[in-house]
Amino acid sequence: MLHKNIGRVLKYGVLISTWGLISTVVIQIICRFTPIATPSWTEEASRIFFIYAMAFAAGLAMKSNYYVHLDMFYSRFSKKFQHLLLMAIPIISLVLFLIMAIYSMRFVMLGFAEKSPSMGFNMGVAFFSMFIMSVSICYYLVIKIIKNFRK
């Protein structure tokens, strides 16, 4: 149940962020071709929506193995070394993303003292996307590691 809900939250996060990005870009396009002045907040909002869309999608990409694999090199290795790589790469990635999760929370805390230039919201909100990305990737890496060790 929890597994399904995490995936659902990430999917809705991607959808909402992507629709927000599309909406702000459409506003920018309409304003450029009409006498209406382009609101200053649309550029920053587009950037934030894009960052959040990528943050939510990163975990889902890990879940579905949508990251780039260098099969040309991988297939040239011995079966024993291929198996070692299949075990080691997720563990190394997990360690790196755990470190990122820890330090991203520090970054979020530092962002509470800043305000965004055009929208005026707390920059900790923008920086929180790094935490979402690293935690969601860690979650799916743990699942992948458990599956690898069961095989």
N, C-alpha and C. Protein backbone atom coordinates (compact mmCIF):
# COMPACT_ATOMS: atom_id res chain seq x y z
N MET A 1 0.83 -1.20 0.00
CA MET A 1 0.00 0.00 0.00
C MET A 1 0.87 1.25 0.00
N LEU A 2 1.87 1.28 0.88
CA LEU A 2 2.78 2.42 0.94
C LEU A 2 3.52 2.59 -0.38
N HIS A 3 3.96 1.47 -0.93
CA HIS A 3 4.69 1.49 -2.20
C HIS A 3 3.85 2.13 -3.30
N LYS A 4 2.59 1.75 -3.37
CA LYS A 4 1.68 2.29 -4.37
C LYS A 4 1.45 3.79 -4.15
N ASN A 5 1.29 4.18 -2.89
CA ASN A 5 1.03 5.60 -2.59
C ASN A 5 2.23 6.47 -2.89
N ILE A 6 3.44 5.98 -2.66
CA ILE A 6 4.64 6.75 -3.00
C ILE A 6 4.71 6.97 -4.50
N GLY A 7 4.48 5.92 -5.26
CA GLY A 7 4.47 6.06 -6.72
C GLY A 7 3.39 7.00 -7.19
N ARG A 8 2.23 6.94 -6.55
CA ARG A 8 1.12 7.82 -6.92
C ARG A 8 1.45 9.29 -6.63
N VAL A 9 2.04 9.56 -5.47
CA VAL A 9 2.44 10.93 -5.12
C VAL A 9 3.45 11.46 -6.13
N LEU A 10 4.42 10.62 -6.49
CA LEU A 10 5.42 11.05 -7.47
C LEU A 10 4.80 11.32 -8.83
N LYS A 11 3.87 10.45 -9.25
CA LYS A 11 3.21 10.66 -10.55
C LYS A 11 2.39 11.94 -10.55
N TYR A 12 1.63 12.18 -9.49
CA TYR A 12 0.85 13.42 -9.42
C TYR A 12 1.75 14.64 -9.34
N GLY A 13 2.88 14.50 -8.64
CA GLY A 13 3.84 15.59 -8.57
C GLY A 13 4.38 15.94 -9.95
N VAL A 14 4.70 14.91 -10.74
CA VAL A 14 5.18 15.14 -12.10
C VAL A 14 4.08 15.82 -12.94
N LEU A 15 2.86 15.30 -12.84
CA LEU A 15 1.76 15.86 -13.64
C LEU A 15 1.47 17.32 -13.27
N ILE A 16 1.36 17.61 -12.00
CA ILE A 16 1.06 18.98 -11.57
C ILE A 16 2.19 19.92 -11.95
N SER A 17 3.42 19.50 -11.74
CA SER A 17 4.56 20.34 -12.09
C SER A 17 4.65 20.58 -13.59
N THR A 18 4.40 19.54 -14.35
CA THR A 18 4.46 19.69 -15.81
C THR A 18 3.35 20.60 -16.31
N TRP A 19 2.14 20.45 -15.79
CA TRP A 19 1.05 21.34 -16.19
C TRP A 19 1.31 22.77 -15.74
N GLY A 20 1.92 22.94 -14.59
CA GLY A 20 2.31 24.28 -14.16
C GLY A 20 3.33 24.89 -15.09
N LEU A 21 4.31 24.08 -15.50
CA LEU A 21 5.32 24.56 -16.45
C LEU A 21 4.69 24.95 -17.77
N ILE A 22 3.83 24.09 -18.29
CA ILE A 22 3.17 24.38 -19.56
C ILE A 22 2.33 25.65 -19.44
N SER A 23 1.62 25.80 -18.35
CA SER A 23 0.76 26.98 -18.16
C SER A 23 1.57 28.27 -18.12
N THR A 24 2.66 28.27 -17.39
CA THR A 24 3.45 29.50 -17.29
C THR A 24 4.13 29.84 -18.62
N VAL A 25 4.56 28.82 -19.35
CA VAL A 25 5.16 29.08 -20.66
C VAL A 25 4.11 29.60 -21.64
N VAL A 26 2.89 29.06 -21.58
CA VAL A 26 1.81 29.56 -22.45
C VAL A 26 1.50 31.02 -22.12
N ILE A 27 1.49 31.36 -20.85
CA ILE A 27 1.28 32.76 -20.46
C ILE A 27 2.38 33.65 -21.06
N GLN A 28 3.62 33.18 -20.98
CA GLN A 28 4.73 33.95 -21.54
C GLN A 28 4.57 34.13 -23.05
N ILE A 29 4.19 33.07 -23.74
CA ILE A 29 4.03 33.14 -25.20
C ILE A 29 2.90 34.09 -25.57
N ILE A 30 1.77 33.96 -24.91
CA ILE A 30 0.62 34.83 -25.21
C ILE A 30 0.99 36.29 -24.97
N CYS A 31 1.68 36.55 -23.87
CA CYS A 31 2.03 37.94 -23.55
C CYS A 31 3.06 38.52 -24.52
N ARG A 32 3.90 37.71 -25.08
CA ARG A 32 4.90 38.21 -26.03
C ARG A 32 4.27 38.59 -27.37
N PHE A 33 3.17 37.96 -27.73
CA PHE A 33 2.54 38.24 -29.01
C PHE A 33 1.31 39.14 -28.89
N THR A 34 1.09 39.68 -27.73
CA THR A 34 -0.02 40.61 -27.51
C THR A 34 0.53 41.84 -26.79
N PRO A 35 -0.25 42.89 -26.70
CA PRO A 35 0.23 44.09 -25.99
C PRO A 35 0.31 43.92 -24.47
N ILE A 36 -0.12 42.77 -23.96
CA ILE A 36 -0.08 42.51 -22.51
C ILE A 36 1.38 42.33 -22.08
N ALA A 37 1.77 42.98 -21.00
CA ALA A 37 3.13 42.83 -20.48
C ALA A 37 3.27 41.46 -19.83
N THR A 38 4.40 40.81 -20.09
CA THR A 38 4.66 39.49 -19.50
C THR A 38 4.90 39.66 -18.00
N PRO A 39 4.14 38.95 -17.18
CA PRO A 39 4.36 39.05 -15.73
C PRO A 39 5.78 38.59 -15.37
N SER A 40 6.41 39.28 -14.46
CA SER A 40 7.80 38.96 -14.10
C SER A 40 7.92 37.60 -13.40
N TRP A 41 6.88 37.15 -12.76
CA TRP A 41 6.95 35.91 -11.99
C TRP A 41 6.93 34.66 -12.86
N THR A 42 6.53 34.78 -14.15
CA THR A 42 6.39 33.57 -14.98
C THR A 42 7.71 32.88 -15.25
N GLU A 43 8.78 33.65 -15.39
CA GLU A 43 10.08 33.03 -15.66
C GLU A 43 10.53 32.20 -14.47
N GLU A 44 10.42 32.76 -13.28
CA GLU A 44 10.81 32.03 -12.07
C GLU A 44 9.88 30.85 -11.81
N ALA A 45 8.60 31.03 -12.03
CA ALA A 45 7.65 29.93 -11.83
C ALA A 45 7.94 28.78 -12.79
N SER A 46 8.26 29.11 -14.04
CA SER A 46 8.60 28.06 -15.01
C SER A 46 9.81 27.26 -14.54
N ARG A 47 10.79 27.96 -14.04
CA ARG A 47 12.00 27.30 -13.57
C ARG A 47 11.68 26.37 -12.39
N ILE A 48 10.89 26.84 -11.45
CA ILE A 48 10.54 26.03 -10.27
C ILE A 48 9.71 24.82 -10.68
N PHE A 49 8.73 25.03 -11.56
CA PHE A 49 7.92 23.90 -12.03
C PHE A 49 8.78 22.86 -12.75
N PHE A 50 9.74 23.31 -13.55
CA PHE A 50 10.62 22.37 -14.25
C PHE A 50 11.47 21.58 -13.26
N ILE A 51 12.03 22.28 -12.28
CA ILE A 51 12.87 21.62 -11.28
C ILE A 51 12.06 20.57 -10.52
N TYR A 52 10.85 20.92 -10.13
CA TYR A 52 10.02 19.95 -9.40
C TYR A 52 9.57 18.79 -10.28
N ALA A 53 9.30 19.05 -11.54
CA ALA A 53 8.92 17.95 -12.44
C ALA A 53 10.06 16.94 -12.54
N MET A 54 11.29 17.44 -12.64
CA MET A 54 12.45 16.54 -12.71
C MET A 54 12.68 15.83 -11.37
N ALA A 55 12.45 16.54 -10.27
CA ALA A 55 12.65 15.93 -8.95
C ALA A 55 11.67 14.78 -8.73
N PHE A 56 10.41 14.98 -9.08
CA PHE A 56 9.41 13.92 -8.91
C PHE A 56 9.66 12.77 -9.89
N ALA A 57 10.10 13.09 -11.10
CA ALA A 57 10.29 12.06 -12.12
C ALA A 57 11.53 11.22 -11.89
N ALA A 58 12.50 11.73 -11.14
CA ALA A 58 13.76 11.00 -10.95
C ALA A 58 13.55 9.65 -10.25
N GLY A 59 12.73 9.65 -9.21
CA GLY A 59 12.44 8.39 -8.52
C GLY A 59 11.70 7.41 -9.41
N LEU A 60 10.75 7.93 -10.18
CA LEU A 60 10.01 7.06 -11.09
C LEU A 60 10.91 6.49 -12.18
N ALA A 61 11.88 7.28 -12.62
CA ALA A 61 12.84 6.78 -13.61
C ALA A 61 13.68 5.66 -13.01
N MET A 62 14.05 5.79 -11.74
CA MET A 62 14.81 4.73 -11.08
C MET A 62 13.94 3.48 -10.95
N LYS A 63 12.69 3.66 -10.61
CA LYS A 63 11.77 2.53 -10.45
C LYS A 63 11.63 1.74 -11.74
N SER A 64 11.56 2.44 -12.86
CA SER A 64 11.31 1.79 -14.15
C SER A 64 12.57 1.55 -14.97
N ASN A 65 13.73 1.78 -14.38
CA ASN A 65 15.02 1.60 -15.08
C ASN A 65 15.10 2.42 -16.36
N TYR A 66 14.73 3.68 -16.28
CA TYR A 66 14.79 4.56 -17.45
C TYR A 66 16.09 5.34 -17.56
N TYR A 67 17.02 5.08 -16.67
CA TYR A 67 18.31 5.76 -16.76
C TYR A 67 19.17 5.10 -17.82
N VAL A 68 20.15 5.83 -18.30
CA VAL A 68 21.01 5.36 -19.38
C VAL A 68 21.91 4.23 -18.87
N HIS A 69 21.99 3.19 -19.66
CA HIS A 69 22.88 2.07 -19.37
C HIS A 69 23.87 1.96 -20.53
N LEU A 70 25.10 1.69 -20.21
CA LEU A 70 26.12 1.54 -21.24
C LEU A 70 26.31 0.06 -21.54
N ASP A 71 25.34 -0.51 -22.24
CA ASP A 71 25.35 -1.94 -22.54
C ASP A 71 26.52 -2.35 -23.41
N MET A 72 27.02 -1.43 -24.22
CA MET A 72 28.14 -1.76 -25.08
C MET A 72 29.35 -2.18 -24.25
N PHE A 73 29.59 -1.48 -23.14
CA PHE A 73 30.70 -1.83 -22.27
C PHE A 73 30.32 -3.00 -21.35
N TYR A 74 29.12 -2.95 -20.84
CA TYR A 74 28.65 -3.96 -19.89
C TYR A 74 28.70 -5.36 -20.51
N SER A 75 28.28 -5.50 -21.73
CA SER A 75 28.22 -6.81 -22.37
C SER A 75 29.61 -7.40 -22.64
N ARG A 76 30.63 -6.58 -22.64
CA ARG A 76 31.99 -7.07 -22.88
C ARG A 76 32.66 -7.65 -21.62
N PHE A 77 32.06 -7.40 -20.47
CA PHE A 77 32.61 -7.92 -19.22
C PHE A 77 32.20 -9.37 -19.03
N SER A 78 32.95 -10.05 -18.18
CA SER A 78 32.61 -11.44 -17.86
C SER A 78 31.30 -11.47 -17.06
N LYS A 79 30.66 -12.63 -17.03
CA LYS A 79 29.39 -12.77 -16.31
C LYS A 79 29.56 -12.48 -14.82
N LYS A 80 30.69 -12.90 -14.27
CA LYS A 80 30.95 -12.68 -12.85
C LYS A 80 31.08 -11.18 -12.56
N PHE A 81 31.79 -10.44 -13.44
CA PHE A 81 31.96 -9.01 -13.25
C PHE A 81 30.63 -8.27 -13.49
N GLN A 82 29.83 -8.75 -14.44
CA GLN A 82 28.50 -8.16 -14.68
C GLN A 82 27.64 -8.29 -13.43
N HIS A 83 27.68 -9.45 -12.82
CA HIS A 83 26.92 -9.67 -11.58
C HIS A 83 27.41 -8.76 -10.47
N LEU A 84 28.72 -8.60 -10.37
CA LEU A 84 29.30 -7.70 -9.37
C LEU A 84 28.83 -6.26 -9.60
N LEU A 85 28.82 -5.84 -10.86
CA LEU A 85 28.35 -4.49 -11.18
C LEU A 85 26.87 -4.31 -10.83
N LEU A 86 26.06 -5.34 -11.13
CA LEU A 86 24.63 -5.26 -10.81
C LEU A 86 24.38 -5.13 -9.31
N MET A 87 25.30 -5.64 -8.52
CA MET A 87 25.16 -5.53 -7.06
C MET A 87 25.76 -4.22 -6.55
N ALA A 88 26.90 -3.81 -7.10
CA ALA A 88 27.65 -2.67 -6.57
C ALA A 88 27.07 -1.32 -6.97
N ILE A 89 26.64 -1.18 -8.20
CA ILE A 89 26.19 0.13 -8.68
C ILE A 89 24.99 0.66 -7.89
N PRO A 90 23.96 -0.13 -7.64
CA PRO A 90 22.86 0.40 -6.81
C PRO A 90 23.29 0.76 -5.38
N ILE A 91 24.21 0.00 -4.81
CA ILE A 91 24.67 0.29 -3.45
C ILE A 91 25.46 1.60 -3.42
N ILE A 92 26.35 1.77 -4.38
CA ILE A 92 27.13 3.02 -4.46
C ILE A 92 26.20 4.20 -4.72
N SER A 93 25.24 4.02 -5.61
CA SER A 93 24.28 5.09 -5.89
C SER A 93 23.46 5.42 -4.65
N LEU A 94 23.07 4.41 -3.91
CA LEU A 94 22.30 4.63 -2.68
C LEU A 94 23.11 5.46 -1.68
N VAL A 95 24.36 5.13 -1.50
CA VAL A 95 25.21 5.89 -0.58
C VAL A 95 25.30 7.35 -1.02
N LEU A 96 25.53 7.56 -2.31
CA LEU A 96 25.65 8.93 -2.82
C LEU A 96 24.34 9.72 -2.65
N PHE A 97 23.20 9.09 -2.93
CA PHE A 97 21.93 9.80 -2.79
C PHE A 97 21.52 9.97 -1.33
N LEU A 98 21.96 9.08 -0.45
CA LEU A 98 21.73 9.30 0.99
C LEU A 98 22.51 10.52 1.47
N ILE A 99 23.74 10.64 1.01
CA ILE A 99 24.53 11.83 1.34
C ILE A 99 23.86 13.08 0.79
N MET A 100 23.36 12.99 -0.42
CA MET A 100 22.66 14.13 -1.01
C MET A 100 21.41 14.49 -0.22
N ALA A 101 20.67 13.49 0.24
CA ALA A 101 19.46 13.75 1.03
C ALA A 101 19.79 14.47 2.32
N ILE A 102 20.85 14.04 2.98
CA ILE A 102 21.25 14.67 4.24
C ILE A 102 21.65 16.13 4.01
N TYR A 103 22.49 16.35 3.02
CA TYR A 103 22.97 17.71 2.77
C TYR A 103 21.91 18.59 2.11
N SER A 104 20.97 17.99 1.41
CA SER A 104 19.91 18.81 0.82
C SER A 104 19.00 19.41 1.90
N MET A 105 18.82 18.68 3.00
CA MET A 105 18.03 19.24 4.10
C MET A 105 18.75 20.43 4.74
N ARG A 106 20.06 20.37 4.81
CA ARG A 106 20.83 21.52 5.29
C ARG A 106 20.66 22.70 4.33
N PHE A 107 20.65 22.40 3.06
CA PHE A 107 20.47 23.42 2.03
C PHE A 107 19.08 24.05 2.14
N VAL A 108 18.07 23.23 2.41
CA VAL A 108 16.71 23.74 2.60
C VAL A 108 16.67 24.68 3.79
N MET A 109 17.32 24.29 4.87
CA MET A 109 17.35 25.15 6.07
C MET A 109 18.01 26.49 5.77
N LEU A 110 19.08 26.47 4.99
CA LEU A 110 19.74 27.73 4.60
C LEU A 110 18.81 28.57 3.72
N GLY A 111 17.98 27.91 2.92
CA GLY A 111 17.08 28.61 2.01
C GLY A 111 15.94 29.34 2.71
N PHE A 112 15.66 28.96 3.97
CA PHE A 112 14.58 29.64 4.69
C PHE A 112 14.89 31.12 4.92
N ALA A 113 16.15 31.47 4.90
CA ALA A 113 16.53 32.87 5.12
C ALA A 113 16.43 33.71 3.85
N GLU A 114 16.26 33.05 2.70
CA GLU A 114 16.21 33.75 1.42
C GLU A 114 14.78 33.83 0.90
N LYS A 115 14.53 34.86 0.12
CA LYS A 115 13.25 35.01 -0.60
C LYS A 115 13.54 34.99 -2.09
N SER A 116 12.64 34.42 -2.86
CA SER A 116 12.82 34.42 -4.30
C SER A 116 12.67 35.84 -4.83
N PRO A 117 13.43 36.21 -5.85
CA PRO A 117 13.43 37.60 -6.32
C PRO A 117 12.09 38.12 -6.84
N SER A 118 11.42 37.37 -7.69
CA SER A 118 10.20 37.92 -8.29
C SER A 118 8.91 37.43 -7.65
N MET A 119 8.93 36.25 -7.07
CA MET A 119 7.70 35.71 -6.50
C MET A 119 7.61 35.94 -4.99
N GLY A 120 8.75 36.14 -4.34
CA GLY A 120 8.76 36.45 -2.93
C GLY A 120 8.53 35.29 -1.97
N PHE A 121 8.53 34.04 -2.47
CA PHE A 121 8.34 32.92 -1.56
C PHE A 121 9.68 32.46 -1.01
N ASN A 122 9.62 31.66 0.02
CA ASN A 122 10.79 31.16 0.70
C ASN A 122 11.57 30.23 -0.23
N MET A 123 12.88 30.43 -0.38
CA MET A 123 13.69 29.60 -1.28
C MET A 123 13.88 28.18 -0.76
N GLY A 124 13.60 27.95 0.52
CA GLY A 124 13.62 26.59 1.04
C GLY A 124 12.64 25.70 0.29
N VAL A 125 11.55 26.30 -0.19
CA VAL A 125 10.57 25.56 -0.99
C VAL A 125 11.20 25.08 -2.28
N ALA A 126 11.95 25.94 -2.94
CA ALA A 126 12.61 25.56 -4.20
C ALA A 126 13.68 24.50 -3.95
N PHE A 127 14.43 24.66 -2.87
CA PHE A 127 15.52 23.74 -2.58
C PHE A 127 15.02 22.38 -2.10
N PHE A 128 13.78 22.31 -1.64
CA PHE A 128 13.21 21.06 -1.15
C PHE A 128 13.11 20.02 -2.27
N SER A 129 13.12 20.47 -3.51
CA SER A 129 13.06 19.55 -4.64
C SER A 129 14.24 18.58 -4.65
N MET A 130 15.40 19.04 -4.20
CA MET A 130 16.57 18.15 -4.13
C MET A 130 16.35 17.02 -3.13
N PHE A 131 15.68 17.33 -2.03
CA PHE A 131 15.38 16.31 -1.04
C PHE A 131 14.38 15.29 -1.60
N ILE A 132 13.35 15.78 -2.27
CA ILE A 132 12.36 14.88 -2.88
C ILE A 132 13.05 13.93 -3.86
N MET A 133 13.90 14.49 -4.70
CA MET A 133 14.59 13.68 -5.69
C MET A 133 15.47 12.62 -5.02
N SER A 134 16.29 13.02 -4.08
CA SER A 134 17.23 12.07 -3.49
C SER A 134 16.52 11.00 -2.66
N VAL A 135 15.48 11.37 -1.93
CA VAL A 135 14.75 10.38 -1.13
C VAL A 135 13.99 9.40 -2.02
N SER A 136 13.36 9.89 -3.07
CA SER A 136 12.61 8.98 -3.95
C SER A 136 13.56 8.03 -4.68
N ILE A 137 14.71 8.52 -5.10
CA ILE A 137 15.69 7.64 -5.73
C ILE A 137 16.20 6.61 -4.72
N CYS A 138 16.47 7.05 -3.49
CA CYS A 138 16.92 6.11 -2.45
C CYS A 138 15.88 5.03 -2.19
N TYR A 139 14.63 5.41 -2.15
CA TYR A 139 13.55 4.45 -1.90
C TYR A 139 13.56 3.34 -2.95
N TYR A 140 13.62 3.74 -4.22
CA TYR A 140 13.59 2.73 -5.28
C TYR A 140 14.92 1.98 -5.41
N LEU A 141 16.01 2.60 -4.99
CA LEU A 141 17.29 1.88 -4.97
C LEU A 141 17.28 0.79 -3.90
N VAL A 142 16.70 1.07 -2.74
CA VAL A 142 16.61 0.06 -1.68
C VAL A 142 15.80 -1.14 -2.18
N ILE A 143 14.70 -0.86 -2.86
CA ILE A 143 13.89 -1.95 -3.42
C ILE A 143 14.69 -2.76 -4.43
N LYS A 144 15.44 -2.05 -5.29
CA LYS A 144 16.26 -2.73 -6.29
C LYS A 144 17.35 -3.57 -5.63
N ILE A 145 17.99 -3.06 -4.60
CA ILE A 145 19.05 -3.80 -3.89
C ILE A 145 18.48 -5.05 -3.24
N ILE A 146 17.33 -4.92 -2.62
CA ILE A 146 16.69 -6.10 -1.99
C ILE A 146 16.37 -7.15 -3.04
N LYS A 147 15.84 -6.73 -4.17
CA LYS A 147 15.54 -7.69 -5.26
C LYS A 147 16.81 -8.35 -5.78
N ASN A 148 17.88 -7.56 -5.92
CA ASN A 148 19.15 -8.13 -6.41
C ASN A 148 19.71 -9.17 -5.45
N PHE A 149 19.60 -8.94 -4.16
CA PHE A 149 20.14 -9.90 -3.20
C PHE A 149 19.27 -11.15 -3.07
N ARG A 150 18.01 -11.03 -3.40
CA ARG A 150 17.11 -12.20 -3.35
C ARG A 150 17.36 -13.14 -4.52
N LYS A 151 17.87 -12.60 -5.63
CA LYS A 151 18.09 -13.43 -6.83
C LYS A 151 19.25 -14.37 -6.64
